[in-house]
All heavy atoms as atom14 arrays in JSON, in Angstrom:
{
  "sequence": "SRVGRGSRQGFTIVELLIVIVIIGILAVLAIGAFSRSQEQARAA",
  "atom14_mask": [
    [1, 1, 1, 1, 1, 1, 0, 0, 0, 0, 0, 0, 0, 0],
    [1, 1, 1, 1, 1, 1, 1, 1, 1, 1, 1, 0, 0, 0],
    [1, 1, 1, 1, 1, 1, 1, 0, 0, 0, 0, 0, 0, 0],
    [1, 1, 1, 1, 0, 0, 0, 0, 0, 0, 0, 0, 0, 0],
    [1, 1, 1, 1, 1, 1, 1, 1, 1, 1, 1, 0, 0, 0],
    [1, 1, 1, 1, 0, 0, 0, 0, 0, 0, 0, 0, 0, 0],
    [1, 1, 1, 1, 1, 1, 0, 0, 0, 0, 0, 0, 0, 0],
    [1, 1, 1, 1, 1, 1, 1, 1, 1, 1, 1, 0, 0, 0],
    [1, 1, 1, 1, 1, 1, 1, 1, 1, 0, 0, 0, 0, 0],
    [1, 1, 1, 1, 0, 0, 0, 0, 0, 0, 0, 0, 0, 0],
    [1, 1, 1, 1, 1, 1, 1, 1, 1, 1, 1, 0, 0, 0],
    [1, 1, 1, 1, 1, 1, 1, 0, 0, 0, 0, 0, 0, 0],
    [1, 1, 1, 1, 1, 1, 1, 1, 0, 0, 0, 0, 0, 0],
    [1, 1, 1, 1, 1, 1, 1, 0, 0, 0, 0, 0, 0, 0],
    [1, 1, 1, 1, 1, 1, 1, 1, 1, 0, 0, 0, 0, 0],
    [1, 1, 1, 1, 1, 1, 1, 1, 0, 0, 0, 0, 0, 0],
    [1, 1, 1, 1, 1, 1, 1, 1, 0, 0, 0, 0, 0, 0],
    [1, 1, 1, 1, 1, 1, 1, 1, 0, 0, 0, 0, 0, 0],
    [1, 1, 1, 1, 1, 1, 1, 0, 0, 0, 0, 0, 0, 0],
    [1, 1, 1, 1, 1, 1, 1, 1, 0, 0, 0, 0, 0, 0],
    [1, 1, 1, 1, 1, 1, 1, 0, 0, 0, 0, 0, 0, 0],
    [1, 1, 1, 1, 1, 1, 1, 1, 0, 0, 0, 0, 0, 0],
    [1, 1, 1, 1, 1, 1, 1, 1, 0, 0, 0, 0, 0, 0],
    [1, 1, 1, 1, 0, 0, 0, 0, 0, 0, 0, 0, 0, 0],
    [1, 1, 1, 1, 1, 1, 1, 1, 0, 0, 0, 0, 0, 0],
    [1, 1, 1, 1, 1, 1, 1, 1, 0, 0, 0, 0, 0, 0],
    [1, 1, 1, 1, 1, 0, 0, 0, 0, 0, 0, 0, 0, 0],
    [1, 1, 1, 1, 1, 1, 1, 0, 0, 0, 0, 0, 0, 0],
    [1, 1, 1, 1, 1, 1, 1, 1, 0, 0, 0, 0, 0, 0],
    [1, 1, 1, 1, 1, 0, 0, 0, 0, 0, 0, 0, 0, 0],
    [1, 1, 1, 1, 1, 1, 1, 1, 0, 0, 0, 0, 0, 0],
    [1, 1, 1, 1, 0, 0, 0, 0, 0, 0, 0, 0, 0, 0],
    [1, 1, 1, 1, 1, 0, 0, 0, 0, 0, 0, 0, 0, 0],
    [1, 1, 1, 1, 1, 1, 1, 1, 1, 1, 1, 0, 0, 0],
    [1, 1, 1, 1, 1, 1, 0, 0, 0, 0, 0, 0, 0, 0],
    [1, 1, 1, 1, 1, 1, 1, 1, 1, 1, 1, 0, 0, 0],
    [1, 1, 1, 1, 1, 1, 0, 0, 0, 0, 0, 0, 0, 0],
    [1, 1, 1, 1, 1, 1, 1, 1, 1, 0, 0, 0, 0, 0],
    [1, 1, 1, 1, 1, 1, 1, 1, 1, 0, 0, 0, 0, 0],
    [1, 1, 1, 1, 1, 1, 1, 1, 1, 0, 0, 0, 0, 0],
    [1, 1, 1, 1, 1, 0, 0, 0, 0, 0, 0, 0, 0, 0],
    [1, 1, 1, 1, 1, 1, 1, 1, 1, 1, 1, 0, 0, 0],
    [1, 1, 1, 1, 1, 0, 0, 0, 0, 0, 0, 0, 0, 0],
    [1, 1, 1, 1, 1, 0, 0, 0, 0, 0, 0, 0, 0, 0]
  ],
  "atom14_positions": [
    [[15.98, -35.25, 18.21], [16.68, -34.86, 16.98], [15.85, -35.33, 15.77], [15.01, -36.29, 15.85], [18.09, -35.41, 16.95], [17.99, -36.83, 16.86], [0.0, 0.0, 0.0], [0.0, 0.0, 0.0], [0.0, 0.0, 0.0], [0.0, 0.0, 0.0], [0.0, 0.0, 0.0], [0.0, 0.0, 0.0], [0.0, 0.0, 0.0], [0.0, 0.0, 0.0]],
    [[16.1, -34.76, 14.58], [15.4, -35.14, 13.38], [16.01, -36.38, 12.83], [17.2, -36.52, 12.9], [15.42, -34.01, 12.28], [14.56, -32.79, 12.71], [14.7, -31.8, 11.54], [13.81, -30.72, 11.8], [13.73, -29.65, 11.04], [14.37, -29.63, 9.95], [12.95, -28.7, 11.35], [0.0, 0.0, 0.0], [0.0, 0.0, 0.0], [0.0, 0.0, 0.0]],
    [[15.16, -37.26, 12.36], [15.63, -38.48, 11.75], [16.51, -38.23, 10.49], [16.03, -37.48, 9.6], [14.46, -39.43, 11.39], [14.99, -40.75, 10.78], [13.64, -39.78, 12.6], [0.0, 0.0, 0.0], [0.0, 0.0, 0.0], [0.0, 0.0, 0.0], [0.0, 0.0, 0.0], [0.0, 0.0, 0.0], [0.0, 0.0, 0.0], [0.0, 0.0, 0.0]],
    [[17.62, -38.81, 10.41], [18.46, -38.55, 9.23], [19.25, -37.29, 9.13], [20.07, -37.06, 8.23], [0.0, 0.0, 0.0], [0.0, 0.0, 0.0], [0.0, 0.0, 0.0], [0.0, 0.0, 0.0], [0.0, 0.0, 0.0], [0.0, 0.0, 0.0], [0.0, 0.0, 0.0], [0.0, 0.0, 0.0], [0.0, 0.0, 0.0], [0.0, 0.0, 0.0]],
    [[19.14, -36.35, 10.12], [19.85, -35.15, 10.07], [20.76, -34.96, 11.3], [21.54, -34.02, 11.31], [18.79, -34.0, 10.11], [17.99, -33.92, 8.9], [17.23, -32.68, 8.86], [17.85, -31.93, 7.81], [17.67, -30.57, 7.58], [17.13, -29.9, 8.44], [18.34, -30.03, 6.62], [0.0, 0.0, 0.0], [0.0, 0.0, 0.0], [0.0, 0.0, 0.0]],
    [[20.69, -35.9, 12.15], [21.58, -35.78, 13.33], [21.32, -34.66, 14.17], [20.02, -34.35, 14.43], [0.0, 0.0, 0.0], [0.0, 0.0, 0.0], [0.0, 0.0, 0.0], [0.0, 0.0, 0.0], [0.0, 0.0, 0.0], [0.0, 0.0, 0.0], [0.0, 0.0, 0.0], [0.0, 0.0, 0.0], [0.0, 0.0, 0.0], [0.0, 0.0, 0.0]],
    [[22.21, -33.93, 14.77], [21.86, -32.78, 15.61], [21.92, -31.48, 14.94], [21.86, -30.43, 15.58], [22.76, -32.87, 16.82], [24.19, -32.62, 16.36], [0.0, 0.0, 0.0], [0.0, 0.0, 0.0], [0.0, 0.0, 0.0], [0.0, 0.0, 0.0], [0.0, 0.0, 0.0], [0.0, 0.0, 0.0], [0.0, 0.0, 0.0], [0.0, 0.0, 0.0]],
    [[22.05, -31.43, 13.61], [22.02, -30.17, 12.87], [20.72, -29.5, 12.95], [19.74, -30.21, 12.89], [22.5, -30.4, 11.42], [23.84, -31.02, 11.23], [24.18, -31.04, 9.7], [23.06, -31.43, 8.92], [22.92, -31.58, 7.59], [24.02, -31.1, 6.89], [21.85, -31.98, 7.04], [0.0, 0.0, 0.0], [0.0, 0.0, 0.0], [0.0, 0.0, 0.0]],
    [[20.81, -28.26, 12.98], [19.51, -27.42, 13.01], [19.59, -26.42, 11.8], [20.64, -26.02, 11.38], [19.39, -26.69, 14.31], [19.14, -27.6, 15.43], [18.74, -26.82, 16.69], [18.68, -25.63, 16.66], [18.58, -27.58, 17.72], [0.0, 0.0, 0.0], [0.0, 0.0, 0.0], [0.0, 0.0, 0.0], [0.0, 0.0, 0.0], [0.0, 0.0, 0.0]],
    [[18.4, -26.09, 11.34], [18.2, -25.2, 10.18], [18.07, -25.84, 8.89], [17.93, -27.08, 8.81], [0.0, 0.0, 0.0], [0.0, 0.0, 0.0], [0.0, 0.0, 0.0], [0.0, 0.0, 0.0], [0.0, 0.0, 0.0], [0.0, 0.0, 0.0], [0.0, 0.0, 0.0], [0.0, 0.0, 0.0], [0.0, 0.0, 0.0], [0.0, 0.0, 0.0]],
    [[18.13, -25.03, 7.76], [17.84, -25.56, 6.51], [19.18, -25.34, 5.56], [19.89, -24.37, 5.82], [16.68, -24.8, 5.85], [15.4, -24.9, 6.53], [14.88, -23.96, 7.36], [14.6, -26.09, 6.43], [13.73, -24.06, 8.12], [13.5, -26.29, 7.05], [13.02, -25.22, 7.97], [0.0, 0.0, 0.0], [0.0, 0.0, 0.0], [0.0, 0.0, 0.0]],
    [[19.31, -26.24, 4.59], [20.4, -26.05, 3.74], [20.03, -25.06, 2.64], [18.89, -24.82, 2.46], [20.78, -27.36, 3.09], [19.63, -27.71, 2.19], [21.06, -28.4, 4.1], [0.0, 0.0, 0.0], [0.0, 0.0, 0.0], [0.0, 0.0, 0.0], [0.0, 0.0, 0.0], [0.0, 0.0, 0.0], [0.0, 0.0, 0.0], [0.0, 0.0, 0.0]],
    [[20.98, -24.54, 1.95], [20.78, -23.57, 0.87], [19.86, -24.17, -0.21], [19.03, -23.53, -0.72], [22.17, -23.17, 0.21], [23.01, -22.56, 1.21], [21.94, -22.35, -1.03], [22.66, -21.03, 1.54], [0.0, 0.0, 0.0], [0.0, 0.0, 0.0], [0.0, 0.0, 0.0], [0.0, 0.0, 0.0], [0.0, 0.0, 0.0], [0.0, 0.0, 0.0]],
    [[20.12, -25.38, -0.53], [19.23, -26.09, -1.57], [17.81, -26.16, -1.1], [16.81, -25.83, -1.92], [19.78, -27.57, -1.84], [18.89, -28.27, -2.78], [21.24, -27.46, -2.34], [0.0, 0.0, 0.0], [0.0, 0.0, 0.0], [0.0, 0.0, 0.0], [0.0, 0.0, 0.0], [0.0, 0.0, 0.0], [0.0, 0.0, 0.0], [0.0, 0.0, 0.0]],
    [[17.52, -26.46, 0.13], [16.22, -26.52, 0.64], [15.49, -25.08, 0.49], [14.34, -24.92, 0.08], [16.18, -26.99, 2.04], [16.44, -28.41, 2.23], [16.62, -28.91, 3.65], [16.98, -28.03, 4.52], [16.35, -30.07, 3.94], [0.0, 0.0, 0.0], [0.0, 0.0, 0.0], [0.0, 0.0, 0.0], [0.0, 0.0, 0.0], [0.0, 0.0, 0.0]],
    [[16.21, -24.16, 0.92], [15.72, -22.78, 0.82], [15.53, -22.32, -0.6], [14.48, -21.77, -0.9], [16.74, -21.78, 1.53], [16.83, -21.83, 3.05], [17.9, -20.93, 3.55], [15.49, -21.5, 3.71], [0.0, 0.0, 0.0], [0.0, 0.0, 0.0], [0.0, 0.0, 0.0], [0.0, 0.0, 0.0], [0.0, 0.0, 0.0], [0.0, 0.0, 0.0]],
    [[16.42, -22.66, -1.46], [16.18, -22.3, -2.93], [14.93, -22.96, -3.49], [14.2, -22.37, -4.28], [17.43, -22.66, -3.75], [18.69, -21.68, -3.44], [19.84, -22.23, -4.26], [18.29, -20.3, -3.95], [0.0, 0.0, 0.0], [0.0, 0.0, 0.0], [0.0, 0.0, 0.0], [0.0, 0.0, 0.0], [0.0, 0.0, 0.0], [0.0, 0.0, 0.0]],
    [[14.72, -24.2, -3.12], [13.57, -24.9, -3.67], [12.35, -24.35, -3.16], [11.31, -24.09, -3.95], [13.65, -26.46, -3.24], [14.74, -27.22, -3.88], [12.24, -27.14, -3.48], [15.05, -28.57, -3.46], [0.0, 0.0, 0.0], [0.0, 0.0, 0.0], [0.0, 0.0, 0.0], [0.0, 0.0, 0.0], [0.0, 0.0, 0.0], [0.0, 0.0, 0.0]],
    [[12.26, -23.83, -1.87], [11.07, -23.32, -1.3], [10.9, -21.99, -1.99], [9.76, -21.53, -2.36], [11.26, -23.06, 0.2], [10.14, -22.18, 0.7], [11.16, -24.45, 0.89], [0.0, 0.0, 0.0], [0.0, 0.0, 0.0], [0.0, 0.0, 0.0], [0.0, 0.0, 0.0], [0.0, 0.0, 0.0], [0.0, 0.0, 0.0], [0.0, 0.0, 0.0]],
    [[11.94, -21.15, -2.21], [11.77, -19.85, -2.91], [11.25, -19.99, -4.31], [10.48, -19.27, -4.81], [13.09, -19.15, -2.94], [13.43, -18.7, -1.48], [13.13, -18.0, -3.87], [14.9, -18.14, -1.22], [0.0, 0.0, 0.0], [0.0, 0.0, 0.0], [0.0, 0.0, 0.0], [0.0, 0.0, 0.0], [0.0, 0.0, 0.0], [0.0, 0.0, 0.0]],
    [[11.79, -21.06, -4.98], [11.35, -21.27, -6.48], [9.82, -21.61, -6.42], [9.06, -21.14, -7.22], [12.18, -22.34, -7.08], [11.55, -22.83, -8.4], [13.54, -21.82, -7.39], [0.0, 0.0, 0.0], [0.0, 0.0, 0.0], [0.0, 0.0, 0.0], [0.0, 0.0, 0.0], [0.0, 0.0, 0.0], [0.0, 0.0, 0.0], [0.0, 0.0, 0.0]],
    [[9.39, -22.55, -5.48], [8.02, -22.9, -5.5], [7.1, -21.71, -5.12], [6.12, -21.5, -5.76], [7.87, -24.06, -4.37], [8.46, -25.3, -4.98], [6.35, -24.23, -4.18], [8.47, -26.37, -3.92], [0.0, 0.0, 0.0], [0.0, 0.0, 0.0], [0.0, 0.0, 0.0], [0.0, 0.0, 0.0], [0.0, 0.0, 0.0], [0.0, 0.0, 0.0]],
    [[7.5, -20.85, -4.23], [6.74, -19.59, -3.81], [6.75, -18.69, -5.11], [5.68, -18.17, -5.39], [7.35, -18.93, -2.63], [7.06, -19.84, -1.38], [6.72, -17.57, -2.56], [7.85, -19.2, -0.19], [0.0, 0.0, 0.0], [0.0, 0.0, 0.0], [0.0, 0.0, 0.0], [0.0, 0.0, 0.0], [0.0, 0.0, 0.0], [0.0, 0.0, 0.0]],
    [[7.75, -18.59, -5.79], [7.8, -17.73, -6.97], [6.84, -18.32, -8.07], [6.08, -17.45, -8.76], [0.0, 0.0, 0.0], [0.0, 0.0, 0.0], [0.0, 0.0, 0.0], [0.0, 0.0, 0.0], [0.0, 0.0, 0.0], [0.0, 0.0, 0.0], [0.0, 0.0, 0.0], [0.0, 0.0, 0.0], [0.0, 0.0, 0.0], [0.0, 0.0, 0.0]],
    [[6.78, -19.59, -8.31], [5.94, -20.11, -9.27], [4.44, -19.86, -8.86], [3.58, -19.56, -9.7], [6.13, -21.64, -9.5], [7.54, -21.86, -10.16], [5.03, -22.31, -10.24], [8.09, -23.33, -10.08], [0.0, 0.0, 0.0], [0.0, 0.0, 0.0], [0.0, 0.0, 0.0], [0.0, 0.0, 0.0], [0.0, 0.0, 0.0], [0.0, 0.0, 0.0]],
    [[4.17, -20.14, -7.59], [2.7, -19.91, -7.11], [2.34, -18.37, -7.22], [1.24, -18.02, -7.6], [2.64, -20.37, -5.69], [2.68, -21.78, -5.45], [2.74, -22.16, -3.92], [1.56, -22.52, -6.13], [0.0, 0.0, 0.0], [0.0, 0.0, 0.0], [0.0, 0.0, 0.0], [0.0, 0.0, 0.0], [0.0, 0.0, 0.0], [0.0, 0.0, 0.0]],
    [[3.34, -17.47, -6.95], [2.94, -16.05, -7.17], [2.86, -15.67, -8.6], [1.83, -14.94, -8.85], [4.18, -15.23, -6.62], [0.0, 0.0, 0.0], [0.0, 0.0, 0.0], [0.0, 0.0, 0.0], [0.0, 0.0, 0.0], [0.0, 0.0, 0.0], [0.0, 0.0, 0.0], [0.0, 0.0, 0.0], [0.0, 0.0, 0.0], [0.0, 0.0, 0.0]],
    [[3.54, -16.26, -9.52], [3.29, -15.95, -10.96], [1.88, -16.44, -11.39], [1.11, -15.77, -12.08], [4.36, -16.64, -11.85], [3.97, -16.63, -13.24], [5.68, -15.82, -11.63], [0.0, 0.0, 0.0], [0.0, 0.0, 0.0], [0.0, 0.0, 0.0], [0.0, 0.0, 0.0], [0.0, 0.0, 0.0], [0.0, 0.0, 0.0], [0.0, 0.0, 0.0]],
    [[1.48, -17.62, -10.83], [0.22, -18.12, -11.2], [-1.0, -17.28, -10.62], [-1.93, -17.02, -11.28], [0.03, -19.59, -10.73], [0.88, -20.7, -11.41], [0.78, -21.95, -10.69], [0.61, -20.73, -12.89], [0.0, 0.0, 0.0], [0.0, 0.0, 0.0], [0.0, 0.0, 0.0], [0.0, 0.0, 0.0], [0.0, 0.0, 0.0], [0.0, 0.0, 0.0]],
    [[-0.73, -16.79, -9.36], [-1.7, -15.99, -8.77], [-1.89, -14.69, -9.44], [-2.96, -14.14, -9.63], [-1.35, -15.82, -7.27], [0.0, 0.0, 0.0], [0.0, 0.0, 0.0], [0.0, 0.0, 0.0], [0.0, 0.0, 0.0], [0.0, 0.0, 0.0], [0.0, 0.0, 0.0], [0.0, 0.0, 0.0], [0.0, 0.0, 0.0], [0.0, 0.0, 0.0]],
    [[-0.84, -14.09, -9.81], [-0.86, -12.76, -10.53], [-1.58, -12.87, -11.85], [-2.36, -12.04, -12.26], [0.59, -12.27, -10.72], [1.13, -11.84, -9.3], [0.62, -11.08, -11.76], [2.65, -11.39, -9.37], [0.0, 0.0, 0.0], [0.0, 0.0, 0.0], [0.0, 0.0, 0.0], [0.0, 0.0, 0.0], [0.0, 0.0, 0.0], [0.0, 0.0, 0.0]],
    [[-1.28, -14.02, -12.58], [-1.92, -14.26, -13.86], [-3.42, -14.43, -13.74], [-4.17, -13.86, -14.44], [0.0, 0.0, 0.0], [0.0, 0.0, 0.0], [0.0, 0.0, 0.0], [0.0, 0.0, 0.0], [0.0, 0.0, 0.0], [0.0, 0.0, 0.0], [0.0, 0.0, 0.0], [0.0, 0.0, 0.0], [0.0, 0.0, 0.0], [0.0, 0.0, 0.0]],
    [[-3.89, -15.23, -12.69], [-5.33, -15.33, -12.4], [-5.94, -14.03, -12.06], [-6.99, -13.66, -12.5], [-5.52, -16.33, -11.35], [0.0, 0.0, 0.0], [0.0, 0.0, 0.0], [0.0, 0.0, 0.0], [0.0, 0.0, 0.0], [0.0, 0.0, 0.0], [0.0, 0.0, 0.0], [0.0, 0.0, 0.0], [0.0, 0.0, 0.0], [0.0, 0.0, 0.0]],
    [[-5.28, -13.22, -11.3], [-5.69, -11.89, -10.87], [-5.94, -11.0, -12.13], [-6.91, -10.25, -12.24], [-4.79, -11.28, -9.75], [-5.35, -9.96, -9.24], [-6.4, -9.87, -8.46], [-4.73, -8.8, -9.6], [-6.91, -8.74, -8.0], [-5.16, -7.63, -9.23], [-6.2, -7.58, -8.35], [0.0, 0.0, 0.0], [0.0, 0.0, 0.0], [0.0, 0.0, 0.0]],
    [[-4.97, -11.01, -12.92], [-5.02, -10.08, -14.1], [-6.21, -10.5, -15.01], [-6.86, -9.69, -15.5], [-3.73, -10.24, -14.92], [-2.64, -9.76, -14.18], [0.0, 0.0, 0.0], [0.0, 0.0, 0.0], [0.0, 0.0, 0.0], [0.0, 0.0, 0.0], [0.0, 0.0, 0.0], [0.0, 0.0, 0.0], [0.0, 0.0, 0.0], [0.0, 0.0, 0.0]],
    [[-6.34, -11.82, -15.09], [-7.54, -12.26, -16.02], [-8.85, -11.86, -15.35], [-9.79, -11.38, -16.16], [-7.44, -13.83, -16.14], [-6.51, -14.26, -17.29], [-6.6, -15.71, -17.5], [-6.32, -16.59, -16.36], [-5.14, -16.98, -15.99], [-4.27, -16.66, -16.76], [-4.99, -17.71, -14.98], [0.0, 0.0, 0.0], [0.0, 0.0, 0.0], [0.0, 0.0, 0.0]],
    [[-8.98, -11.97, -14.09], [-10.27, -11.61, -13.43], [-10.45, -10.14, -13.47], [-11.61, -9.65, -13.68], [-10.32, -12.07, -12.01], [-9.32, -11.51, -11.19], [0.0, 0.0, 0.0], [0.0, 0.0, 0.0], [0.0, 0.0, 0.0], [0.0, 0.0, 0.0], [0.0, 0.0, 0.0], [0.0, 0.0, 0.0], [0.0, 0.0, 0.0], [0.0, 0.0, 0.0]],
    [[-9.48, -9.29, -13.49], [-9.58, -7.86, -13.59], [-10.09, -7.53, -15.04], [-10.89, -6.62, -15.22], [-8.21, -7.13, -13.32], [-7.96, -6.77, -11.88], [-6.74, -5.92, -11.77], [-5.78, -6.11, -12.55], [-6.72, -5.03, -10.72], [0.0, 0.0, 0.0], [0.0, 0.0, 0.0], [0.0, 0.0, 0.0], [0.0, 0.0, 0.0], [0.0, 0.0, 0.0]],
    [[-9.47, -8.15, -15.98], [-9.78, -7.95, -17.37], [-11.29, -8.35, -17.65], [-12.09, -7.6, -18.33], [-8.92, -8.69, -18.35], [-8.81, -8.21, -19.69], [-8.49, -6.73, -19.79], [-7.56, -6.27, -19.09], [-9.11, -6.06, -20.61], [0.0, 0.0, 0.0], [0.0, 0.0, 0.0], [0.0, 0.0, 0.0], [0.0, 0.0, 0.0], [0.0, 0.0, 0.0]],
    [[-11.69, -9.42, -17.04], [-13.26, -9.9, -17.18], [-14.11, -8.82, -16.44], [-15.23, -8.49, -17.05], [-13.35, -11.21, -16.61], [-12.74, -12.35, -17.39], [-12.82, -13.64, -16.68], [-13.18, -13.76, -15.48], [-12.52, -14.76, -17.43], [0.0, 0.0, 0.0], [0.0, 0.0, 0.0], [0.0, 0.0, 0.0], [0.0, 0.0, 0.0], [0.0, 0.0, 0.0]],
    [[-13.64, -8.28, -15.35], [-14.4, -7.28, -14.67], [-14.68, -5.96, -15.54], [-15.67, -5.41, -15.55], [-13.84, -6.95, -13.25], [0.0, 0.0, 0.0], [0.0, 0.0, 0.0], [0.0, 0.0, 0.0], [0.0, 0.0, 0.0], [0.0, 0.0, 0.0], [0.0, 0.0, 0.0], [0.0, 0.0, 0.0], [0.0, 0.0, 0.0], [0.0, 0.0, 0.0]],
    [[-13.53, -5.63, -16.11], [-13.49, -4.4, -17.03], [-14.5, -4.59, -18.19], [-15.3, -3.77, -18.46], [-12.12, -4.07, -17.52], [-11.26, -3.42, -16.51], [-9.96, -2.95, -17.19], [-9.05, -2.54, -16.13], [-7.87, -3.25, -15.89], [-7.55, -4.31, -16.6], [-7.11, -2.84, -14.85], [0.0, 0.0, 0.0], [0.0, 0.0, 0.0], [0.0, 0.0, 0.0]],
    [[-14.46, -5.8, -18.81], [-15.38, -6.13, -19.88], [-16.74, -6.08, -19.54], [-17.67, -5.54, -20.18], [-14.93, -7.43, -20.51], [0.0, 0.0, 0.0], [0.0, 0.0, 0.0], [0.0, 0.0, 0.0], [0.0, 0.0, 0.0], [0.0, 0.0, 0.0], [0.0, 0.0, 0.0], [0.0, 0.0, 0.0], [0.0, 0.0, 0.0], [0.0, 0.0, 0.0]],
    [[-17.07, -6.65, -18.31], [-18.39, -6.69, -17.81], [-18.92, -5.22, -17.49], [-20.12, -4.98, -17.81], [-18.49, -7.54, -16.52], [0.0, 0.0, 0.0], [0.0, 0.0, 0.0], [0.0, 0.0, 0.0], [0.0, 0.0, 0.0], [0.0, 0.0, 0.0], [0.0, 0.0, 0.0], [0.0, 0.0, 0.0], [0.0, 0.0, 0.0], [0.0, 0.0, 0.0]]
  ]
}
């Protein structure tokens, strides 16, 4: 069993929401970087 969780399995809603928010933030950053590199390629 996991320490501090007893015999429960799975994730709580809060844990899932935190992971979804982090993935969303990373996706926004990646899309921004991709857009900038596309614009630089067009200028070149």
